[in-house]
Amino acid sequence: KPKVYYKDRIFLRRVPLTATFTKIKKSLGEDKVRELVWLVDKESGAFYGSCVVLLASPSDVKQIVDRSLSQGGVKVDKKRIKVAEVFQKDDEDEIFNHSSPQKEYPPIGAAMLNTQ
């Protein structure tokens, strides 16, 4: 079975912990980013440096992936991040829940809150 990509999403990894939705929008293009989902560890609930971004159009996917492979790359807080297309999976739930508001900051996780 051939791999099929989502036409409107990209996967970002090696995203710095200092990243915000606003910083990622600024880096990728204000008018290109519709929504973002911070991916978290199932055990701790902590952000581990990856997210999925919903883009405005399929041409934005190609443009951003191509830019990430160029010499300058795509940077957030001066750190070069990895950009990839997102594969469709048969059992994948819809991760973009349109009833919940966009989170500006990645979740730090419950494990990190109990350090006092």
Foldseek 3Di string as FASTA:
>chain_A
DDWDFDLFKKKKFPADQPAWPVQLCVQLDVQFFDAKDFDADPVFLAGDGMIMTGTDGSVSLVVLQVQLPDPVHTDGPNDHMHMGTHTDDPPDDPPDDPVDDGGGHGDGGPVVVPPD
